[in-house]
């Protein structure tokens, strides 16, 4: 028995610490450590969203069926969702009919929706219960429910949601008060099963809720989405967005658990796509080959020009992706963003252009480098080129997330490398077009 396994089996460690230790172990060692835990403690560990490879762990555990049945419904569904078809079917076959049917219902919802996040383990009582009866019911079912902070009052005939009573309102009410009379008389804040999880998170945040009921078309409660599940989902999505923004296919696995082949597969696709895009940069330079031969000094500023345009585009993209994710902007607001980014890009470009022109003038007058007799025109070319390129970068970087969202893609796919590649190609065209105008009759 290893020291880690011995520590886990001791039972005195916090669940979060156990999860951290398990994530650091190989799959085989993690399975062995889990098998040594008491059943209830193993369920607690498997129920934690921070635990990696839950599905793989379950397929290797002898008592996977019992563990899966004891887990909260939403966490069990999430674990099954990460498995391929045969492994998922094998685990479901080890469950009783009712549990398997409930999990299959959760698995039917799209991964990023309220239906996929919800749990079916919620507290509900019919209209007509008193506060005292509800408290008794709460004591009876609390161990089998995800949360007891919200009590859902249902119509006894239609099972439609009538009201939500908080635990604080319940314990402060007189014992004989009808449950439907406890708390303020207002329509419950609810979500639909196909609502995007970002919109669910926004509603929970705006209304300061601990959970939100998921209702079907008849107003019946299918389940609830709790605030901790929303936080876990948003953190996972943020991690995916960061990876996508860096030009990497999203993965939920810890870095050290990603195999070499998987690492290559997730990174090679984007790199190849970006490499093919950068080939257009070479094509653009070939198109201006004559100009480069006549004014070689222009090549000195190509890295400066390309990086400035890419940086401005990446800045705009990152700002817009976050604004769209937080619901601060809608697709219809694209023109407002464009009207802001054009003057912003012009101003930023002018600032960078002034710095570049000052640098050329300083180097020339100080004798550090001789740009030739037409150095003032070269400085003007670089300065004007930066204004155009930074403006284009800001505008294209801000519009790309809108375009991707309009086409149904994740705006985070507008990765920084992708924006930089786009601006690199167009930046060269802008730079040499400005050079043709400014230097015509002198160097060109």
Protein backbone atom coordinates (compact mmCIF):
# COMPACT_ATOMS: atom_id res chain seq x y z
CA UNK A 1 0.00 0.00 0.00
CA UNK A 2 1.43 3.39 -1.01
CA UNK A 3 1.58 6.35 1.35
CA UNK A 4 -1.09 8.13 -0.76
CA UNK A 5 -3.48 5.18 -0.61
CA UNK A 6 -2.89 4.82 3.14
CA UNK A 7 -3.71 8.51 3.66
CA UNK A 8 -6.88 8.27 1.59
CA UNK A 9 -8.12 5.23 3.45
CA UNK A 10 -7.51 6.86 6.80
CA UNK A 11 -10.68 8.89 6.24
CA UNK A 12 -9.58 12.06 7.97
CA UNK A 13 -8.76 14.03 4.87
CA UNK A 14 -11.09 16.57 3.30
CA UNK A 15 -12.88 15.45 0.15
CA UNK A 16 -11.32 18.26 -1.89
CA UNK A 17 -7.84 17.12 -0.84
CA UNK A 18 -8.64 13.53 -1.78
CA UNK A 19 -9.80 14.67 -5.21
CA UNK A 20 -6.56 16.59 -5.72
CA UNK A 21 -4.51 13.52 -4.79
CA UNK A 22 -6.53 11.24 -7.08
CA UNK A 23 -6.11 13.61 -10.00
CA UNK A 24 -2.34 13.37 -9.56
CA UNK A 25 -2.35 9.54 -9.69
CA UNK A 26 -2.33 7.30 -12.73
CA UNK A 27 -5.70 5.79 -13.65
CA UNK A 28 -4.78 2.38 -12.21
CA UNK A 29 -3.54 3.84 -8.91
CA UNK A 30 -6.60 6.10 -8.64
CA UNK A 31 -8.88 3.08 -9.09
CA UNK A 32 -7.01 1.18 -6.38
CA UNK A 33 -7.23 4.15 -4.01
CA UNK A 34 -10.97 4.55 -4.63
CA UNK A 35 -11.61 0.87 -4.02
CA UNK A 36 -10.01 1.27 -0.59
CA UNK A 37 -12.34 4.10 0.46
CA UNK A 38 -15.56 3.51 2.43
CA UNK A 39 -18.55 3.42 0.08
CA UNK A 40 -20.14 6.70 1.23
CA UNK A 41 -16.80 8.50 1.02
CA UNK A 42 -16.15 7.15 -2.46
CA UNK A 43 -19.54 8.50 -3.56
CA UNK A 44 -18.67 11.92 -2.14
CA UNK A 45 -15.41 11.91 -4.07
CA UNK A 46 -17.04 10.84 -7.35
CA UNK A 47 -19.69 13.53 -6.89
CA UNK A 48 -17.08 16.31 -7.00
CA UNK A 49 -16.91 18.18 -10.29
CA UNK A 50 -13.16 18.72 -9.80
CA UNK A 51 -12.44 14.98 -10.07
CA UNK A 52 -11.02 14.14 -13.49
CA UNK A 53 -11.69 10.93 -15.46
CA UNK A 54 -14.83 10.02 -13.48
CA UNK A 55 -16.23 7.97 -16.34
CA UNK A 56 -12.97 6.05 -16.82
CA UNK A 57 -12.70 5.44 -13.08
CA UNK A 58 -16.23 4.02 -12.93
CA UNK A 59 -15.64 1.61 -15.83
CA UNK A 60 -12.71 0.14 -13.86
CA UNK A 61 -14.48 -0.17 -10.49
CA UNK A 62 -16.11 -3.47 -9.51
CA UNK A 63 -18.99 -1.76 -7.68
CA UNK A 64 -19.54 0.90 -10.36
CA UNK A 65 -23.28 0.23 -10.56
CA UNK A 66 -23.85 0.84 -6.86
CA UNK A 67 -21.64 3.93 -6.89
CA UNK A 68 -23.37 5.37 -9.95
CA UNK A 69 -26.80 4.82 -8.36
CA UNK A 70 -25.69 6.60 -5.18
CA UNK A 71 -24.18 9.59 -6.99
CA UNK A 72 -26.21 12.73 -7.64
CA UNK A 73 -28.07 12.41 -10.94
CA UNK A 74 -26.35 15.35 -12.64
CA UNK A 75 -22.84 14.15 -11.76
CA UNK A 76 -23.66 10.59 -12.82
CA UNK A 77 -24.98 11.86 -16.16
CA UNK A 78 -21.87 14.01 -16.65
CA UNK A 79 -19.65 10.98 -16.03
CA UNK A 80 -21.59 8.87 -18.54
CA UNK A 81 -21.56 11.68 -21.09
CA UNK A 82 -17.75 11.57 -21.18
CA UNK A 83 -17.72 7.88 -22.17
CA UNK A 84 -18.11 6.37 -25.61
CA UNK A 85 -21.20 4.34 -26.53
CA UNK A 86 -20.16 0.80 -25.49
CA UNK A 87 -18.74 1.85 -22.10
CA UNK A 88 -21.80 3.99 -21.38
CA UNK A 89 -24.16 1.16 -22.29
CA UNK A 90 -22.21 -1.27 -20.13
CA UNK A 91 -22.48 1.00 -17.08
CA UNK A 92 -26.18 1.70 -17.64
CA UNK A 93 -26.86 -2.04 -17.81
CA UNK A 94 -25.57 -2.36 -14.23
CA UNK A 95 -28.26 0.01 -12.89
CA UNK A 96 -31.86 -0.61 -11.93
CA UNK A 97 -34.47 0.34 -14.52
CA UNK A 98 -35.67 3.54 -12.80
CA UNK A 99 -32.15 4.95 -12.26
CA UNK A 100 -31.06 4.06 -15.80
CA UNK A 101 -34.18 5.66 -17.30
CA UNK A 102 -33.61 8.87 -15.34
CA UNK A 103 -29.98 9.11 -16.48
CA UNK A 104 -30.91 8.41 -20.09
CA UNK A 105 -33.38 11.29 -19.90
CA UNK A 106 -30.59 13.63 -18.72
CA UNK A 107 -28.21 12.34 -21.39
CA UNK A 108 -30.75 13.23 -24.08
CA UNK A 109 -30.18 16.95 -23.53
CA UNK A 110 -27.44 18.83 -25.38
CA UNK A 111 -24.26 19.17 -23.25
CA UNK A 112 -24.33 22.96 -22.85
CA UNK A 113 -27.98 23.32 -21.83
CA UNK A 114 -29.88 23.58 -18.56
CA UNK A 115 -31.23 20.06 -19.12
CA UNK A 116 -27.71 18.64 -19.09
CA UNK A 117 -26.82 20.58 -15.92
CA UNK A 118 -29.94 19.84 -13.91
CA UNK A 119 -30.44 17.25 -11.22
CA UNK A 120 -33.74 15.50 -10.66
CA UNK A 121 -33.17 15.32 -6.89
CA UNK A 122 -35.12 18.31 -5.57
CA UNK A 123 -37.54 18.96 -2.72
CA UNK A 124 -41.21 19.30 -3.63
CA UNK A 125 -44.50 19.29 -1.72
CA UNK A 126 -48.09 19.65 -2.92
CA UNK A 127 -50.30 22.66 -2.36
CA UNK A 128 -52.17 22.16 0.92
CA UNK A 129 -49.20 21.18 3.04
CA UNK A 130 -48.59 23.29 6.12
CA UNK A 131 -45.19 24.67 7.08
CA UNK A 132 -44.95 22.01 9.82
CA UNK A 133 -45.72 19.17 7.38
CA UNK A 134 -43.17 20.52 4.95
CA UNK A 135 -40.46 20.58 7.62
CA UNK A 136 -41.24 16.96 8.52
CA UNK A 137 -41.02 16.00 4.85
CA UNK A 138 -37.75 17.89 4.55
CA UNK A 139 -36.20 15.89 7.39
CA UNK A 140 -37.28 12.64 5.73
CA UNK A 141 -35.82 13.34 2.27
CA UNK A 142 -32.87 15.66 2.88
CA UNK A 143 -30.24 12.92 2.47
CA UNK A 144 -31.54 12.07 -1.00
CA UNK A 145 -31.78 15.61 -2.33
CA UNK A 146 -29.15 17.78 -3.98
CA UNK A 147 -30.21 20.83 -1.95
CA UNK A 148 -32.88 21.65 0.61
CA UNK A 149 -32.67 25.43 0.36
CA UNK A 150 -35.55 25.66 -2.11
CA UNK A 151 -38.91 23.91 -1.65
CA UNK A 152 -41.00 23.59 -4.82
CA UNK A 153 -44.74 23.81 -4.21
CA UNK A 154 -46.63 21.86 -6.88
CA UNK A 155 -50.25 21.64 -7.97
CA UNK A 156 -51.41 18.22 -6.66
CA UNK A 157 -53.27 17.42 -9.91
CA UNK A 158 -51.16 18.85 -12.76
CA UNK A 159 -47.83 18.78 -10.89
CA UNK A 160 -47.19 22.29 -12.26
CA UNK A 161 -44.96 24.61 -10.23
CA UNK A 162 -46.98 27.06 -8.16
CA UNK A 163 -44.36 28.67 -5.93
CA UNK A 164 -40.85 28.33 -4.58
CA UNK A 165 -40.35 28.71 -0.83
CA UNK A 166 -36.87 29.19 0.58
CA UNK A 167 -35.69 27.33 3.66
CA UNK A 168 -35.35 30.63 5.54
CA UNK A 169 -38.98 31.53 4.76
CA UNK A 170 -40.11 28.06 5.79
CA UNK A 171 -38.47 27.92 9.22
CA UNK A 172 -39.63 31.45 10.06
CA UNK A 173 -43.29 30.71 9.17
CA UNK A 174 -45.93 29.72 11.73
CA UNK A 175 -46.36 25.90 11.83
CA UNK A 176 -49.95 25.89 10.58
CA UNK A 177 -49.40 28.36 7.73
CA UNK A 178 -50.29 26.79 4.35
CA UNK A 179 -47.07 26.32 2.38
CA UNK A 180 -48.47 28.22 -0.62
CA UNK A 181 -48.94 31.25 1.65
CA UNK A 182 -45.33 31.27 2.85
CA UNK A 183 -43.19 33.91 1.21
CA UNK A 184 -44.08 36.57 -1.38
CA UNK A 185 -46.68 35.84 -4.04
CA UNK A 186 -44.69 36.13 -7.28
CA UNK A 187 -43.95 33.92 -10.26
CA UNK A 188 -40.89 31.70 -9.76
CA UNK A 189 -37.75 32.41 -11.79
CA UNK A 190 -37.42 29.32 -13.99
CA UNK A 191 -35.52 28.09 -17.04
CA UNK A 192 -36.30 25.75 -19.92
CA UNK A 193 -34.34 22.53 -20.51
CA UNK A 194 -32.86 23.77 -23.80
CA UNK A 195 -31.67 27.13 -22.40
CA UNK A 196 -27.93 27.69 -22.85
CA UNK A 197 -25.94 27.31 -19.64
CA UNK A 198 -24.50 30.82 -19.99
CA UNK A 199 -28.02 32.25 -19.96
CA UNK A 200 -28.85 30.06 -16.94
CA UNK A 201 -25.78 31.42 -15.17
CA UNK A 202 -26.82 34.99 -16.00
CA UNK A 203 -30.33 34.47 -14.56
CA UNK A 204 -29.02 32.88 -11.38
CA UNK A 205 -26.51 35.71 -10.97
CA UNK A 206 -29.00 38.53 -11.71
CA UNK A 207 -31.65 37.16 -9.32
CA UNK A 208 -29.14 35.97 -6.70
CA UNK A 209 -30.53 32.43 -6.64
CA UNK A 210 -29.14 29.24 -5.10
CA UNK A 211 -31.00 27.15 -7.67
CA UNK A 212 -33.40 27.52 -10.57
CA UNK A 213 -36.16 25.04 -11.55
CA UNK A 214 -36.17 23.60 -15.07
CA UNK A 215 -39.74 23.54 -16.39
CA UNK A 216 -41.28 21.78 -19.37
CA UNK A 217 -43.97 23.30 -21.60
CA UNK A 218 -46.68 22.38 -19.07
CA UNK A 219 -44.91 24.15 -16.23
CA UNK A 220 -43.89 20.91 -14.53
CA UNK A 221 -40.52 20.69 -12.79
CA UNK A 222 -38.08 18.41 -14.63
CA UNK A 223 -35.23 19.18 -12.26
CA UNK A 224 -33.21 22.03 -10.81
CA UNK A 225 -29.94 23.70 -11.70
CA UNK A 226 -27.95 24.61 -8.60
CA UNK A 227 -25.52 27.49 -8.38
CA UNK A 228 -22.54 25.20 -7.70
CA UNK A 229 -23.27 23.24 -10.88
CA UNK A 230 -23.46 26.49 -12.82
CA UNK A 231 -20.13 27.64 -11.38
CA UNK A 232 -18.51 24.31 -12.27
CA UNK A 233 -19.91 24.48 -15.80
CA UNK A 234 -18.80 28.08 -16.35
CA UNK A 235 -15.32 27.31 -15.02
CA UNK A 236 -15.09 24.35 -17.39
CA UNK A 237 -16.29 26.51 -20.29
CA UNK A 238 -13.81 29.25 -19.36
CA UNK A 239 -11.00 26.69 -19.45
CA UNK A 240 -12.19 25.52 -22.88
CA UNK A 241 -12.40 29.11 -24.12
CA UNK A 242 -8.86 29.84 -22.95
CA UNK A 243 -7.62 26.77 -24.82
CA UNK A 244 -9.55 27.68 -27.95
CA UNK A 245 -8.31 31.25 -27.77
CA UNK A 246 -4.77 29.89 -27.78
CA UNK A 247 -5.47 27.84 -30.89
CA UNK A 248 -5.85 24.44 -29.15
CA UNK A 249 -8.75 22.00 -29.38
CA UNK A 250 -10.48 22.09 -25.98
CA UNK A 251 -9.84 19.29 -23.51
CA UNK A 252 -11.08 18.74 -19.95
CA UNK A 253 -8.23 16.43 -18.95
CA UNK A 254 -5.39 17.63 -16.72
CA UNK A 255 -2.29 18.52 -18.75
CA UNK A 256 -0.13 15.67 -17.41
CA UNK A 257 -2.85 13.10 -18.19
CA UNK A 258 -3.04 13.98 -21.89
CA UNK A 259 -1.23 11.33 -23.93
CA UNK A 260 1.43 12.30 -26.45
CA UNK A 261 -0.76 11.24 -29.38
CA UNK A 262 -3.73 13.19 -27.99
CA UNK A 263 -1.55 16.27 -27.49
CA UNK A 264 -0.40 16.13 -31.12
CA UNK A 265 -3.95 15.62 -32.36
CA UNK A 266 -5.32 18.59 -30.41
CA UNK A 267 -2.58 20.99 -31.46
CA UNK A 268 -1.61 19.90 -34.96
CA UNK A 269 -4.91 20.77 -36.62
CA UNK A 270 -4.88 24.42 -35.61
CA UNK A 271 -1.16 24.77 -36.31
CA UNK A 272 -1.58 23.36 -39.82
CA UNK A 273 -4.54 25.64 -40.50
CA UNK A 274 -2.60 28.67 -39.26
CA UNK A 275 0.48 27.62 -41.24
CA UNK A 276 -1.57 27.43 -44.42
CA UNK A 277 -2.96 30.87 -43.61
CA UNK A 278 0.52 32.27 -43.07
CA UNK A 279 1.44 30.98 -46.53
CA UNK A 280 -0.74 33.79 -47.82
CA UNK A 281 1.75 36.15 -46.16
CA UNK A 282 4.50 34.74 -48.38
CA UNK A 283 2.21 35.15 -51.38
CA UNK A 284 1.59 38.79 -50.45
CA UNK A 285 5.33 39.44 -50.18
CA UNK A 286 5.90 37.75 -53.54
CA UNK A 287 3.30 40.06 -55.06
CA UNK A 288 5.31 43.07 -53.86
CA UNK A 289 8.66 41.52 -54.78
CA UNK A 290 9.62 44.39 -57.11
CA UNK A 291 8.88 47.01 -54.50
CA UNK A 292 10.95 45.11 -51.94
CA UNK A 293 13.87 44.90 -54.36
CA UNK A 294 13.77 48.67 -54.91
CA UNK A 295 13.29 49.63 -51.27
CA UNK A 296 14.85 46.92 -49.11
CA UNK A 297 14.64 49.26 -46.12
CA UNK A 298 10.87 48.60 -46.01
CA UNK A 299 11.52 44.99 -44.92
CA UNK A 300 13.03 46.24 -41.66
CA UNK A 301 9.59 47.24 -40.42
CA UNK A 302 7.58 44.20 -41.57
CA UNK A 303 7.77 42.41 -38.16
CA UNK A 304 6.75 45.66 -36.45
CA UNK A 305 3.82 46.16 -38.80
CA UNK A 306 2.57 42.56 -38.59
CA UNK A 307 2.81 42.24 -34.80
CA UNK A 308 1.07 45.57 -34.17
CA UNK A 309 -1.91 44.62 -36.33
CA UNK A 310 -2.15 41.17 -34.74
CA UNK A 311 -1.92 42.60 -31.22
CA UNK A 312 -4.67 45.14 -31.82
CA UNK A 313 -6.90 42.46 -33.35
CA UNK A 314 -6.30 40.08 -30.44
CA UNK A 315 -7.13 42.84 -27.94
CA UNK A 316 -10.44 43.58 -29.64
CA UNK A 317 -11.31 39.90 -29.97
CA UNK A 318 -10.69 39.14 -26.30
CA UNK A 319 -12.83 42.11 -25.20
CA UNK A 320 -15.70 41.14 -27.50
CA UNK A 321 -15.67 37.44 -26.61
CA UNK A 322 -16.02 38.30 -22.94
CA UNK A 323 -18.74 40.88 -23.59
CA UNK A 324 -20.74 38.39 -25.67
CA UNK A 325 -20.27 35.64 -23.06
CA UNK A 326 -21.55 37.90 -20.27
CA UNK A 327 -24.56 39.01 -22.30
CA UNK A 328 -23.35 42.62 -22.40
CA UNK A 329 -23.74 42.61 -26.19
CA UNK A 330 -26.18 41.09 -28.65
CA UNK A 331 -25.63 40.20 -32.29
CA UNK A 332 -27.65 43.25 -33.28
CA UNK A 333 -25.07 45.48 -31.55
CA UNK A 334 -22.33 44.76 -34.10
CA UNK A 335 -22.67 48.18 -35.73
CA UNK A 336 -22.32 49.94 -32.37
CA UNK A 337 -19.10 48.01 -31.79
CA UNK A 338 -17.84 48.89 -35.28
CA UNK A 339 -18.52 52.58 -34.66
CA UNK A 340 -16.47 52.39 -31.45
CA UNK A 341 -13.60 50.32 -32.84
CA UNK A 342 -12.91 52.47 -35.92
CA UNK A 343 -12.01 55.66 -34.00
CA UNK A 344 -10.32 53.52 -31.33
CA UNK A 345 -8.19 51.81 -33.97
CA UNK A 346 -7.35 55.13 -35.64
CA UNK A 347 -6.25 56.63 -32.33
CA UNK A 348 -4.21 53.60 -31.27
CA UNK A 349 -2.66 53.41 -34.74
CA UNK A 350 -1.77 57.10 -34.58
CA UNK A 351 -0.08 56.60 -31.19
CA UNK A 352 1.98 53.66 -32.46
CA UNK A 353 2.70 55.47 -35.73
CA UNK A 354 4.00 58.51 -33.87
CA UNK A 355 6.27 56.30 -31.75
CA UNK A 356 7.59 54.53 -34.87
CA UNK A 357 8.22 57.81 -36.71
CA UNK A 358 9.98 59.23 -33.65
CA UNK A 359 12.18 56.16 -33.46
CA UNK A 360 13.17 56.43 -37.15
CA UNK A 361 13.93 60.14 -36.75
CA UNK A 362 15.99 59.54 -33.61
CA UNK A 363 18.03 56.72 -35.16
CA UNK A 364 18.64 58.81 -38.30
CA UNK A 365 19.69 62.03 -36.55
CA UNK A 366 21.76 60.22 -33.92
CA UNK A 367 23.64 58.32 -36.61
CA UNK A 368 22.59 54.90 -35.27
CA UNK A 369 21.23 53.83 -38.68
CA UNK A 370 21.05 55.53 -42.07
CA UNK A 371 17.68 55.11 -43.74
CA UNK A 372 18.79 57.08 -46.79
CA UNK A 373 17.97 60.50 -48.20
CA UNK A 374 14.22 59.78 -48.17
CA UNK A 375 14.08 58.77 -44.53
CA UNK A 376 11.26 61.22 -43.79
CA UNK A 377 9.07 59.53 -46.42
CA UNK A 378 9.96 56.13 -44.99
CA UNK A 379 8.91 57.32 -41.53
CA UNK A 380 5.66 58.64 -42.99
CA UNK A 381 5.06 55.28 -44.74
CA UNK A 382 5.56 53.33 -41.51
CA UNK A 383 3.41 55.74 -39.49
CA UNK A 384 0.54 55.80 -41.98
CA UNK A 385 0.80 52.04 -42.45
CA UNK A 386 0.45 51.48 -38.71
CA UNK A 387 -2.66 53.67 -38.58
CA UNK A 388 -4.30 51.61 -41.31
CA UNK A 389 -3.17 48.22 -40.02
CA UNK A 390 -4.08 48.80 -36.36
CA UNK A 391 -7.49 50.16 -37.41
CA UNK A 392 -8.11 47.13 -39.61
CA UNK A 393 -6.91 44.81 -36.84
CA UNK A 394 -9.24 46.36 -34.26
CA UNK A 395 -12.21 46.28 -36.63
CA UNK A 396 -11.68 42.74 -37.92
CA UNK A 397 -10.85 41.43 -34.43
CA UNK A 398 -14.08 42.90 -33.03
CA UNK A 399 -16.30 41.71 -35.90
CA UNK A 400 -14.98 38.15 -36.05
CA UNK A 401 -16.70 36.97 -32.81
CA UNK A 402 -20.01 38.40 -34.09
CA UNK A 403 -19.58 36.60 -37.41
CA UNK A 404 -18.78 33.27 -35.73
CA UNK A 405 -21.72 33.55 -33.32
CA UNK A 406 -24.04 34.45 -36.22
CA UNK A 407 -22.90 31.30 -38.04
CA UNK A 408 -23.57 29.20 -34.94
CA UNK A 409 -19.96 28.72 -33.82
CA UNK A 410 -18.41 29.44 -30.43
CA UNK A 411 -17.03 33.03 -30.51
CA UNK A 412 -14.01 31.75 -28.55
CA UNK A 413 -12.97 29.97 -31.76
CA UNK A 414 -11.78 33.42 -32.89
CA UNK A 415 -8.42 32.53 -31.38
CA UNK A 416 -5.59 35.01 -31.03
CA UNK A 417 -3.39 33.10 -33.54
CA UNK A 418 -6.24 33.05 -36.06
CA UNK A 419 -6.81 36.80 -35.76
CA UNK A 420 -3.07 37.44 -35.98
CA UNK A 421 -2.81 35.34 -39.15
CA UNK A 422 -5.72 37.19 -40.75
CA UNK A 423 -4.25 40.58 -39.91
CA UNK A 424 -0.72 39.57 -40.99
CA UNK A 425 -1.80 38.98 -44.58
CA UNK A 426 -3.98 42.08 -44.89
CA UNK A 427 -1.39 44.13 -42.96
CA UNK A 428 1.25 43.51 -45.60
CA UNK A 429 -1.15 44.54 -48.34
CA UNK A 430 -2.00 47.76 -46.47
CA UNK A 431 1.68 48.49 -45.70
CA UNK A 432 2.91 48.10 -49.26
CA UNK A 433 -0.10 49.92 -50.69
CA UNK A 434 0.74 52.91 -48.47
CA UNK A 435 4.39 52.62 -49.55
CA UNK A 436 3.40 52.73 -53.23
CA UNK A 437 1.50 55.96 -52.64
CA UNK A 438 4.00 57.73 -50.36
CA UNK A 439 7.24 56.59 -52.01
CA UNK A 440 6.06 56.81 -55.61
CA UNK A 441 8.62 58.74 -57.67
CA UNK A 442 11.37 58.35 -55.05
CA UNK A 443 12.30 54.85 -53.93
CA UNK A 444 9.43 53.22 -55.87
